[in-house]
Amino acid sequence: MHSVWDADDSGVMRLPSGRLLRGRGLHQQIPSGATPDFAVYLLGKRPSPSKWEARWVLWPDFPLPKDRDDARDALREAWLRSERERVEIFCDGGHGRTGTALACIAVLDGVPADKAVKFVREQYNSRAVETPWQRRYVAHFTAD
């Protein structure tokens, strides 16, 4: 399978490697056009089943993920799959947790951790990564 997002689609962010990911919030309408092949849902409760393959990370609104190893594994899977698949990162509003996850994925893609929040705010959404502890989480996220 080799299906990627259109770089001009709503919420799509291009990583330095050229990989494309889409961020979105639960309260935003599903954009028209292509649907994800795989999604990572960052929510405080299990999401409803989706029509595409998905992975849920227990991550309540504003705090950090409950299981950081599980979050790291899910974000690494999203990054790996984004090379050949349409991957969506999703939380309630599409800013805090989604932005934090996208910044961590940017670190996996080679963006220095201390530059990843700025990168995501410029490439995805200026309101991404909402809290000081989300910024610290990204700053200490490593590609190892």
N, C-alpha and C. Protein backbone atom coordinates (compact mmCIF):
# COMPACT_ATOMS: atom_id res chain seq x y z
N MET A 1 0.85 -1.18 0.00
CA MET A 1 0.00 0.00 0.00
C MET A 1 0.90 1.24 0.00
N HIS A 2 0.58 2.21 -0.80
CA HIS A 2 1.30 3.47 -0.80
C HIS A 2 0.28 4.58 -1.02
N SER A 3 -0.28 5.07 0.08
CA SER A 3 -1.27 6.12 -0.02
C SER A 3 -0.94 7.19 1.01
N VAL A 4 -0.68 8.38 0.55
CA VAL A 4 -0.33 9.46 1.46
C VAL A 4 -1.32 10.60 1.29
N TRP A 5 -1.29 11.52 2.23
CA TRP A 5 -2.17 12.67 2.18
C TRP A 5 -1.76 13.62 1.08
N ASP A 6 -2.69 14.43 0.65
CA ASP A 6 -2.39 15.57 -0.20
C ASP A 6 -1.85 16.64 0.75
N ALA A 7 -0.69 17.19 0.47
CA ALA A 7 -0.04 18.15 1.36
C ALA A 7 -0.89 19.39 1.60
N ASP A 8 -1.84 19.68 0.72
CA ASP A 8 -2.69 20.86 0.87
C ASP A 8 -3.97 20.58 1.66
N ASP A 9 -4.21 19.33 2.04
CA ASP A 9 -5.41 19.00 2.81
C ASP A 9 -5.38 19.65 4.18
N SER A 10 -6.53 19.92 4.73
CA SER A 10 -6.68 20.53 6.04
C SER A 10 -6.01 19.67 7.12
N GLY A 11 -5.18 20.31 7.96
CA GLY A 11 -4.55 19.64 9.08
C GLY A 11 -3.33 18.81 8.75
N VAL A 12 -2.91 18.78 7.49
CA VAL A 12 -1.78 17.95 7.09
C VAL A 12 -0.47 18.70 7.35
N MET A 13 0.46 18.00 7.97
CA MET A 13 1.78 18.54 8.30
C MET A 13 2.85 17.72 7.60
N ARG A 14 3.81 18.42 6.99
CA ARG A 14 4.93 17.74 6.33
C ARG A 14 6.13 17.73 7.28
N LEU A 15 6.69 16.55 7.49
CA LEU A 15 7.90 16.40 8.28
C LEU A 15 9.12 16.66 7.41
N PRO A 16 10.29 16.90 8.00
CA PRO A 16 11.49 17.14 7.19
C PRO A 16 11.80 16.01 6.20
N SER A 17 11.45 14.78 6.54
CA SER A 17 11.70 13.64 5.64
C SER A 17 10.75 13.63 4.44
N GLY A 18 9.72 14.47 4.49
CA GLY A 18 8.70 14.48 3.44
C GLY A 18 7.45 13.72 3.82
N ARG A 19 7.49 12.96 4.90
CA ARG A 19 6.30 12.23 5.35
C ARG A 19 5.21 13.23 5.71
N LEU A 20 3.97 12.82 5.48
CA LEU A 20 2.82 13.68 5.78
C LEU A 20 1.96 13.00 6.84
N LEU A 21 1.52 13.79 7.83
CA LEU A 21 0.58 13.32 8.84
C LEU A 21 -0.54 14.34 8.94
N ARG A 22 -1.72 13.87 9.34
CA ARG A 22 -2.82 14.80 9.54
C ARG A 22 -3.21 14.82 11.01
N GLY A 23 -3.35 16.03 11.54
CA GLY A 23 -3.86 16.22 12.88
C GLY A 23 -5.30 16.69 12.80
N ARG A 24 -6.09 16.28 13.80
CA ARG A 24 -7.51 16.65 13.78
C ARG A 24 -8.07 16.56 15.18
N GLY A 25 -9.14 17.26 15.42
CA GLY A 25 -9.85 17.19 16.68
C GLY A 25 -11.19 16.50 16.53
N LEU A 26 -11.62 15.87 17.61
CA LEU A 26 -12.90 15.15 17.64
C LEU A 26 -14.06 16.06 17.25
N HIS A 27 -13.99 17.32 17.62
CA HIS A 27 -15.09 18.24 17.37
C HIS A 27 -15.03 18.87 15.99
N GLN A 28 -14.02 18.50 15.21
CA GLN A 28 -13.92 18.99 13.84
C GLN A 28 -14.55 17.96 12.92
N GLN A 29 -15.19 18.44 11.90
CA GLN A 29 -15.79 17.54 10.92
C GLN A 29 -14.68 16.78 10.20
N ILE A 30 -14.94 15.52 9.88
CA ILE A 30 -13.98 14.75 9.11
C ILE A 30 -13.85 15.43 7.75
N PRO A 31 -12.63 15.82 7.37
CA PRO A 31 -12.46 16.48 6.08
C PRO A 31 -12.93 15.59 4.92
N SER A 32 -13.41 16.23 3.89
CA SER A 32 -13.82 15.46 2.71
C SER A 32 -12.58 14.90 2.05
N GLY A 33 -12.78 13.91 1.24
CA GLY A 33 -11.66 13.30 0.52
C GLY A 33 -11.18 12.03 1.20
N ALA A 34 -9.88 11.82 1.13
CA ALA A 34 -9.28 10.58 1.64
C ALA A 34 -9.48 10.43 3.14
N THR A 35 -9.59 9.19 3.56
CA THR A 35 -9.68 8.86 4.98
C THR A 35 -8.35 8.25 5.42
N PRO A 36 -8.11 8.20 6.72
CA PRO A 36 -6.85 7.60 7.19
C PRO A 36 -6.79 6.11 6.89
N ASP A 37 -5.57 5.63 6.75
CA ASP A 37 -5.33 4.19 6.73
C ASP A 37 -5.12 3.71 8.17
N PHE A 38 -4.58 4.61 8.99
CA PHE A 38 -4.25 4.31 10.39
C PHE A 38 -4.36 5.60 11.19
N ALA A 39 -4.87 5.49 12.41
CA ALA A 39 -5.01 6.67 13.27
C ALA A 39 -4.57 6.33 14.68
N VAL A 40 -4.06 7.36 15.36
CA VAL A 40 -3.74 7.26 16.78
C VAL A 40 -4.65 8.24 17.49
N TYR A 41 -5.48 7.70 18.38
CA TYR A 41 -6.43 8.50 19.14
C TYR A 41 -5.88 8.75 20.54
N LEU A 42 -5.73 10.01 20.90
CA LEU A 42 -5.18 10.43 22.18
C LEU A 42 -6.33 10.96 23.02
N LEU A 43 -7.00 10.07 23.72
CA LEU A 43 -8.23 10.42 24.42
C LEU A 43 -8.25 9.85 25.83
N GLY A 44 -9.06 10.47 26.69
CA GLY A 44 -9.21 10.02 28.06
C GLY A 44 -10.11 8.81 28.22
N LYS A 45 -10.83 8.45 27.16
CA LYS A 45 -11.65 7.25 27.18
C LYS A 45 -11.59 6.59 25.80
N ARG A 46 -11.91 5.31 25.78
CA ARG A 46 -11.83 4.54 24.53
C ARG A 46 -12.76 5.16 23.48
N PRO A 47 -12.25 5.39 22.27
CA PRO A 47 -13.08 5.97 21.22
C PRO A 47 -14.03 4.93 20.62
N SER A 48 -15.02 5.43 19.92
CA SER A 48 -15.91 4.55 19.17
C SER A 48 -15.10 3.87 18.07
N PRO A 49 -15.54 2.71 17.63
CA PRO A 49 -14.84 2.04 16.53
C PRO A 49 -14.81 2.93 15.28
N SER A 50 -13.74 2.81 14.53
CA SER A 50 -13.61 3.59 13.29
C SER A 50 -13.59 2.66 12.09
N LYS A 51 -13.72 3.24 10.92
CA LYS A 51 -13.72 2.46 9.67
C LYS A 51 -12.31 2.11 9.22
N TRP A 52 -11.29 2.64 9.91
CA TRP A 52 -9.90 2.39 9.57
C TRP A 52 -9.18 1.83 10.80
N GLU A 53 -8.02 1.28 10.58
CA GLU A 53 -7.24 0.74 11.69
C GLU A 53 -6.84 1.88 12.61
N ALA A 54 -6.97 1.66 13.91
CA ALA A 54 -6.68 2.72 14.86
C ALA A 54 -6.08 2.15 16.14
N ARG A 55 -5.38 3.02 16.81
CA ARG A 55 -4.78 2.68 18.10
C ARG A 55 -5.14 3.78 19.09
N TRP A 56 -5.54 3.38 20.29
CA TRP A 56 -5.93 4.33 21.32
C TRP A 56 -4.83 4.43 22.37
N VAL A 57 -4.46 5.66 22.70
CA VAL A 57 -3.54 5.93 23.80
C VAL A 57 -4.33 6.66 24.88
N LEU A 58 -4.34 6.13 26.09
CA LEU A 58 -5.04 6.77 27.20
C LEU A 58 -4.28 8.04 27.59
N TRP A 59 -4.88 9.18 27.20
CA TRP A 59 -4.23 10.47 27.40
C TRP A 59 -5.32 11.49 27.69
N PRO A 60 -5.63 11.71 28.96
CA PRO A 60 -6.67 12.68 29.31
C PRO A 60 -6.33 14.09 28.83
N ASP A 61 -7.35 14.92 28.69
CA ASP A 61 -7.19 16.29 28.22
C ASP A 61 -6.31 17.08 29.20
N PHE A 62 -5.30 17.73 28.69
CA PHE A 62 -4.31 18.57 29.37
C PHE A 62 -3.17 17.82 30.05
N PRO A 63 -3.37 16.73 30.81
CA PRO A 63 -2.20 16.03 31.36
C PRO A 63 -1.39 15.31 30.26
N LEU A 64 -0.50 14.47 30.71
CA LEU A 64 0.34 13.68 29.80
C LEU A 64 -0.22 12.26 29.70
N PRO A 65 0.28 11.46 28.75
CA PRO A 65 -0.24 10.09 28.61
C PRO A 65 -0.07 9.29 29.90
N LYS A 66 -1.05 8.44 30.18
CA LYS A 66 -1.00 7.61 31.38
C LYS A 66 0.14 6.60 31.32
N ASP A 67 0.41 6.05 30.14
CA ASP A 67 1.49 5.07 29.95
C ASP A 67 2.42 5.62 28.88
N ARG A 68 3.52 6.19 29.31
CA ARG A 68 4.43 6.85 28.36
C ARG A 68 5.10 5.87 27.41
N ASP A 69 5.32 4.64 27.84
CA ASP A 69 5.89 3.64 26.93
C ASP A 69 4.91 3.31 25.81
N ASP A 70 3.63 3.17 26.17
CA ASP A 70 2.60 2.91 25.16
C ASP A 70 2.50 4.09 24.20
N ALA A 71 2.54 5.30 24.72
CA ALA A 71 2.47 6.49 23.86
C ALA A 71 3.66 6.52 22.91
N ARG A 72 4.86 6.29 23.42
CA ARG A 72 6.07 6.29 22.57
C ARG A 72 5.94 5.24 21.47
N ASP A 73 5.46 4.05 21.83
CA ASP A 73 5.30 2.98 20.86
C ASP A 73 4.27 3.36 19.78
N ALA A 74 3.16 3.95 20.20
CA ALA A 74 2.11 4.35 19.24
C ALA A 74 2.62 5.46 18.31
N LEU A 75 3.37 6.42 18.85
CA LEU A 75 3.88 7.50 18.02
C LEU A 75 4.95 7.00 17.06
N ARG A 76 5.77 6.07 17.51
CA ARG A 76 6.77 5.47 16.61
C ARG A 76 6.06 4.70 15.49
N GLU A 77 5.01 3.95 15.84
CA GLU A 77 4.25 3.22 14.81
C GLU A 77 3.65 4.21 13.81
N ALA A 78 3.08 5.30 14.30
CA ALA A 78 2.50 6.31 13.41
C ALA A 78 3.57 6.87 12.48
N TRP A 79 4.73 7.18 13.01
CA TRP A 79 5.82 7.73 12.19
C TRP A 79 6.26 6.72 11.12
N LEU A 80 6.44 5.48 11.52
CA LEU A 80 6.86 4.45 10.56
C LEU A 80 5.82 4.26 9.46
N ARG A 81 4.56 4.18 9.86
CA ARG A 81 3.50 3.93 8.88
C ARG A 81 3.26 5.12 7.97
N SER A 82 3.59 6.32 8.43
CA SER A 82 3.34 7.52 7.62
C SER A 82 4.21 7.58 6.37
N GLU A 83 5.21 6.72 6.29
CA GLU A 83 6.03 6.68 5.08
C GLU A 83 5.23 6.19 3.87
N ARG A 84 4.25 5.31 4.12
CA ARG A 84 3.50 4.71 3.02
C ARG A 84 1.98 4.75 3.20
N GLU A 85 1.52 5.26 4.33
CA GLU A 85 0.08 5.26 4.61
C GLU A 85 -0.38 6.64 5.07
N ARG A 86 -1.68 6.86 4.98
CA ARG A 86 -2.28 8.09 5.52
C ARG A 86 -2.50 7.89 7.01
N VAL A 87 -1.77 8.63 7.81
CA VAL A 87 -1.83 8.52 9.27
C VAL A 87 -2.42 9.80 9.84
N GLU A 88 -3.36 9.62 10.77
CA GLU A 88 -4.00 10.75 11.43
C GLU A 88 -3.74 10.66 12.93
N ILE A 89 -3.45 11.81 13.53
CA ILE A 89 -3.29 11.94 14.98
C ILE A 89 -4.48 12.77 15.45
N PHE A 90 -5.12 12.35 16.54
CA PHE A 90 -6.46 12.84 16.85
C PHE A 90 -6.65 12.96 18.35
N CYS A 91 -7.15 14.11 18.82
CA CYS A 91 -7.59 14.28 20.20
C CYS A 91 -8.89 15.08 20.18
N ASP A 92 -9.38 15.52 21.32
CA ASP A 92 -10.65 16.25 21.35
C ASP A 92 -10.61 17.54 20.53
N GLY A 93 -9.64 18.39 20.81
CA GLY A 93 -9.60 19.70 20.15
C GLY A 93 -8.64 19.79 18.98
N GLY A 94 -7.68 18.87 18.91
CA GLY A 94 -6.72 18.89 17.82
C GLY A 94 -5.54 19.81 18.03
N HIS A 95 -5.35 20.29 19.28
CA HIS A 95 -4.26 21.24 19.52
C HIS A 95 -3.24 20.73 20.55
N GLY A 96 -3.69 20.51 21.78
CA GLY A 96 -2.77 20.15 22.85
C GLY A 96 -2.13 18.79 22.69
N ARG A 97 -2.92 17.74 22.86
CA ARG A 97 -2.38 16.38 22.74
C ARG A 97 -1.95 16.08 21.32
N THR A 98 -2.75 16.48 20.35
CA THR A 98 -2.37 16.25 18.94
C THR A 98 -1.08 16.97 18.62
N GLY A 99 -0.98 18.24 19.00
CA GLY A 99 0.24 19.00 18.75
C GLY A 99 1.44 18.41 19.45
N THR A 100 1.24 17.96 20.68
CA THR A 100 2.33 17.33 21.44
C THR A 100 2.79 16.06 20.74
N ALA A 101 1.84 15.24 20.31
CA ALA A 101 2.18 14.00 19.61
C ALA A 101 2.89 14.29 18.29
N LEU A 102 2.39 15.27 17.55
CA LEU A 102 3.05 15.62 16.28
C LEU A 102 4.46 16.13 16.52
N ALA A 103 4.67 16.88 17.59
CA ALA A 103 6.02 17.36 17.92
C ALA A 103 6.93 16.19 18.27
N CYS A 104 6.42 15.21 19.00
CA CYS A 104 7.22 14.02 19.31
C CYS A 104 7.55 13.23 18.04
N ILE A 105 6.60 13.13 17.14
CA ILE A 105 6.85 12.44 15.88
C ILE A 105 7.89 13.22 15.06
N ALA A 106 7.84 14.54 15.14
CA ALA A 106 8.85 15.36 14.45
C ALA A 106 10.25 15.05 15.01
N VAL A 107 10.35 14.82 16.32
CA VAL A 107 11.63 14.43 16.92
C VAL A 107 12.08 13.10 16.33
N LEU A 108 11.16 12.15 16.20
CA LEU A 108 11.50 10.86 15.58
C LEU A 108 12.01 11.06 14.15
N ASP A 109 11.51 12.10 13.50
CA ASP A 109 11.88 12.38 12.11
C ASP A 109 13.17 13.20 12.00
N GLY A 110 13.76 13.57 13.13
CA GLY A 110 15.03 14.28 13.09
C GLY A 110 15.02 15.72 13.54
N VAL A 111 13.86 16.27 13.87
CA VAL A 111 13.80 17.63 14.39
C VAL A 111 14.35 17.60 15.82
N PRO A 112 15.30 18.49 16.16
CA PRO A 112 15.79 18.52 17.55
C PRO A 112 14.64 18.76 18.53
N ALA A 113 14.66 18.06 19.66
CA ALA A 113 13.55 18.14 20.62
C ALA A 113 13.29 19.57 21.08
N ASP A 114 14.35 20.38 21.20
CA ASP A 114 14.15 21.75 21.64
C ASP A 114 13.59 22.67 20.56
N LYS A 115 13.44 22.16 19.35
CA LYS A 115 12.88 22.93 18.23
C LYS A 115 11.55 22.37 17.74
N ALA A 116 11.14 21.23 18.29
CA ALA A 116 9.98 20.51 17.75
C ALA A 116 8.66 21.25 17.97
N VAL A 117 8.47 21.91 19.11
CA VAL A 117 7.22 22.63 19.35
C VAL A 117 7.11 23.78 18.34
N LYS A 118 8.17 24.52 18.17
CA LYS A 118 8.16 25.63 17.19
C LYS A 118 7.87 25.08 15.79
N PHE A 119 8.49 23.98 15.44
CA PHE A 119 8.27 23.37 14.13
C PHE A 119 6.79 23.05 13.91
N VAL A 120 6.16 22.41 14.91
CA VAL A 120 4.76 22.01 14.77
C VAL A 120 3.84 23.24 14.74
N ARG A 121 4.16 24.24 15.52
CA ARG A 121 3.35 25.46 15.50
C ARG A 121 3.44 26.16 14.16
N GLU A 122 4.57 26.07 13.50
CA GLU A 122 4.72 26.68 12.17
C GLU A 122 4.12 25.82 11.07
N GLN A 123 4.24 24.50 11.19
CA GLN A 123 3.82 23.60 10.11
C GLN A 123 2.40 23.07 10.25
N TYR A 124 1.87 23.05 11.48
CA TYR A 124 0.56 22.45 11.70
C TYR A 124 -0.45 23.48 12.20
N ASN A 125 -0.22 24.02 13.40
CA ASN A 125 -1.18 24.94 13.99
C ASN A 125 -0.48 25.78 15.06
N SER A 126 -0.70 27.07 15.01
CA SER A 126 -0.01 27.98 15.94
C SER A 126 -0.42 27.76 17.39
N ARG A 127 -1.54 27.07 17.63
CA ARG A 127 -2.00 26.80 19.00
C ARG A 127 -1.59 25.41 19.50
N ALA A 128 -0.80 24.70 18.73
CA ALA A 128 -0.39 23.34 19.10
C ALA A 128 0.49 23.36 20.35
N VAL A 129 0.36 22.32 21.15
CA VAL A 129 1.11 22.12 22.40
C VAL A 129 0.73 23.23 23.37
N GLU A 130 -0.26 22.95 24.21
CA GLU A 130 -0.91 24.00 24.99
C GLU A 130 -0.32 24.27 26.37
N THR A 131 0.27 23.29 27.00
CA THR A 131 0.66 23.47 28.40
C THR A 131 2.17 23.39 28.59
N PRO A 132 2.68 23.95 29.70
CA PRO A 132 4.12 23.85 29.98
C PRO A 132 4.59 22.40 30.09
N TRP A 133 3.76 21.52 30.69
CA TRP A 133 4.20 20.12 30.84
C TRP A 133 4.18 19.40 29.50
N GLN A 134 3.31 19.80 28.57
CA GLN A 134 3.36 19.22 27.22
C GLN A 134 4.66 19.66 26.53
N ARG A 135 5.04 20.91 26.70
CA ARG A 135 6.30 21.39 26.11
C ARG A 135 7.50 20.65 26.71
N ARG A 136 7.49 20.43 28.02
CA ARG A 136 8.58 19.68 28.66
C ARG A 136 8.61 18.23 28.17
N TYR A 137 7.44 17.63 27.99
CA TYR A 137 7.36 16.25 27.49
C TYR A 137 8.05 16.16 26.13
N VAL A 138 7.78 17.11 25.26
CA VAL A 138 8.42 17.12 23.94
C VAL A 138 9.91 17.36 24.08
N ALA A 139 10.30 18.31 24.92
CA ALA A 139 11.72 18.66 25.08
C ALA A 139 12.55 17.47 25.56
N HIS A 140 11.91 16.54 26.29
CA HIS A 140 12.62 15.38 26.81
C HIS A 140 12.35 14.11 26.01
N PHE A 141 11.58 14.23 24.94
CA PHE A 141 11.29 13.08 24.08
C PHE A 141 12.50 12.84 23.18
N THR A 142 12.94 11.63 23.10
CA THR A 142 14.11 11.33 22.27
C THR A 142 13.75 10.33 21.19
N ALA A 143 14.55 10.32 20.17
CA ALA A 143 14.33 9.40 19.05
C ALA A 143 14.87 8.01 19.37
N ASP A 144 15.59 7.86 20.48
CA ASP A 144 16.17 6.55 20.84
C ASP A 144 15.13 5.57 21.33
